[in-house]
Amino acid sequence: MASTSGEDACRTATAAAADANLSDRLEFACGDAATALLPEGADLVIALGSVDCWGGGPDEAIRGCAELAGENGSFLFGDRVWEGSRTPP
């Protein structure tokens, strides 16, 4: 089950799409990426800061996004990078 903040984010995104008259073109799914029943063949899959949700690290997350996007879709994948003392300037 999605966290409250995730549910709030989905509600906010859905409302913003409606305000922009894009509800017929966008669908937001909120939940556990590893177990969610998501439609395959999406035009665009966006996964930002969610690598840990897939359970197997970045490789599994990127593979999962690619599968959801299908042959003709695209995906945008981004995750955080922590700057630390070992990070070169």
Protein backbone atom coordinates (compact mmCIF):
# COMPACT_ATOMS: atom_id res chain seq x y z
CA MET A 1 0.00 0.00 0.00
CA ALA A 2 1.24 3.49 -0.83
CA SER A 3 2.36 5.81 1.90
CA THR A 4 0.30 8.86 2.75
CA SER A 5 2.85 11.13 1.08
CA GLY A 6 2.71 8.96 -2.06
CA GLU A 7 -1.06 9.07 -2.08
CA ASP A 8 -0.93 12.84 -1.60
CA ALA A 9 1.52 13.14 -4.50
CA CYS A 10 -0.79 11.11 -6.75
CA ARG A 11 -3.78 13.26 -5.79
CA THR A 12 -1.79 16.44 -6.42
CA ALA A 13 -0.57 15.20 -9.81
CA THR A 14 -4.07 14.08 -10.83
CA ALA A 15 -5.52 17.46 -9.84
CA ALA A 16 -2.78 19.31 -11.73
CA ALA A 17 -3.47 17.23 -14.85
CA ALA A 18 -7.18 18.02 -14.56
CA ASP A 19 -6.44 21.74 -14.13
CA ALA A 20 -4.32 21.62 -17.28
CA ASN A 21 -7.04 19.71 -19.20
CA LEU A 22 -4.73 16.72 -19.58
CA SER A 23 -6.72 14.10 -17.67
CA ASP A 24 -7.51 12.24 -20.88
CA ARG A 25 -3.79 11.94 -21.68
CA LEU A 26 -2.20 11.19 -18.29
CA GLU A 27 -2.65 8.48 -15.70
CA PHE A 28 -0.82 8.34 -12.38
CA ALA A 29 -0.26 5.06 -10.57
CA CYS A 30 0.81 5.09 -6.96
CA GLY A 31 2.01 2.06 -5.04
CA ASP A 32 4.76 -0.50 -4.64
CA ALA A 33 6.59 -0.61 -7.96
CA ALA A 34 7.68 -4.21 -7.45
CA THR A 35 4.14 -5.54 -7.00
CA ALA A 36 1.88 -2.98 -8.67
CA LEU A 37 -0.28 -4.14 -11.55
CA LEU A 38 0.61 -1.48 -14.07
CA PRO A 39 -0.39 -1.40 -17.73
CA GLU A 40 2.35 -2.39 -20.16
CA GLY A 41 3.10 -0.43 -23.28
CA ALA A 42 2.95 3.02 -21.71
CA ASP A 43 4.02 5.95 -23.87
CA LEU A 44 6.20 7.25 -21.04
CA VAL A 45 7.20 5.79 -17.68
CA ILE A 46 8.74 8.24 -15.21
CA ALA A 47 10.56 6.88 -12.16
CA LEU A 48 12.30 9.50 -10.05
CA GLY A 49 13.97 8.59 -6.77
CA SER A 50 12.41 5.16 -6.75
CA VAL A 51 15.31 2.76 -7.28
CA ASP A 52 14.83 1.29 -3.78
CA CYS A 53 11.18 0.50 -4.54
CA TRP A 54 12.14 -2.14 -7.09
CA GLY A 55 14.05 -4.27 -4.59
CA GLY A 56 16.97 -5.25 -6.80
CA GLY A 57 18.81 -1.99 -7.22
CA PRO A 58 19.22 0.18 -10.28
CA ASP A 59 19.54 -2.65 -12.80
CA GLU A 60 16.21 -4.19 -11.80
CA ALA A 61 14.54 -0.77 -11.64
CA ILE A 62 15.70 0.23 -15.12
CA ARG A 63 14.72 -3.19 -16.52
CA GLY A 64 11.27 -2.85 -14.89
CA CYS A 65 10.74 0.62 -16.39
CA ALA A 66 11.78 -0.63 -19.82
CA GLU A 67 9.32 -3.52 -19.61
CA LEU A 68 6.50 -1.16 -18.66
CA ALA A 69 7.35 1.16 -21.53
CA GLY A 70 7.33 -1.72 -24.02
CA GLU A 71 8.74 -1.61 -27.52
CA ASN A 72 7.46 1.84 -28.48
CA GLY A 73 7.48 3.67 -25.16
CA SER A 74 10.14 5.64 -23.38
CA PHE A 75 11.15 5.98 -19.77
CA LEU A 76 12.77 8.68 -17.71
CA PHE A 77 14.73 7.32 -14.78
CA GLY A 78 16.46 9.40 -12.15
CA ASP A 79 17.68 8.79 -8.67
CA ARG A 80 19.52 10.63 -5.98
CA VAL A 81 23.26 10.93 -5.77
CA TRP A 82 24.74 11.60 -2.37
CA GLU A 83 27.72 13.89 -2.34
CA GLY A 84 30.24 12.76 0.23
CA SER A 85 33.86 13.13 1.16
CA ARG A 86 34.80 10.57 -1.50
CA THR A 87 33.00 12.50 -4.24
CA PRO A 88 35.53 14.36 -6.42
CA PRO A 89 34.79 18.07 -6.95
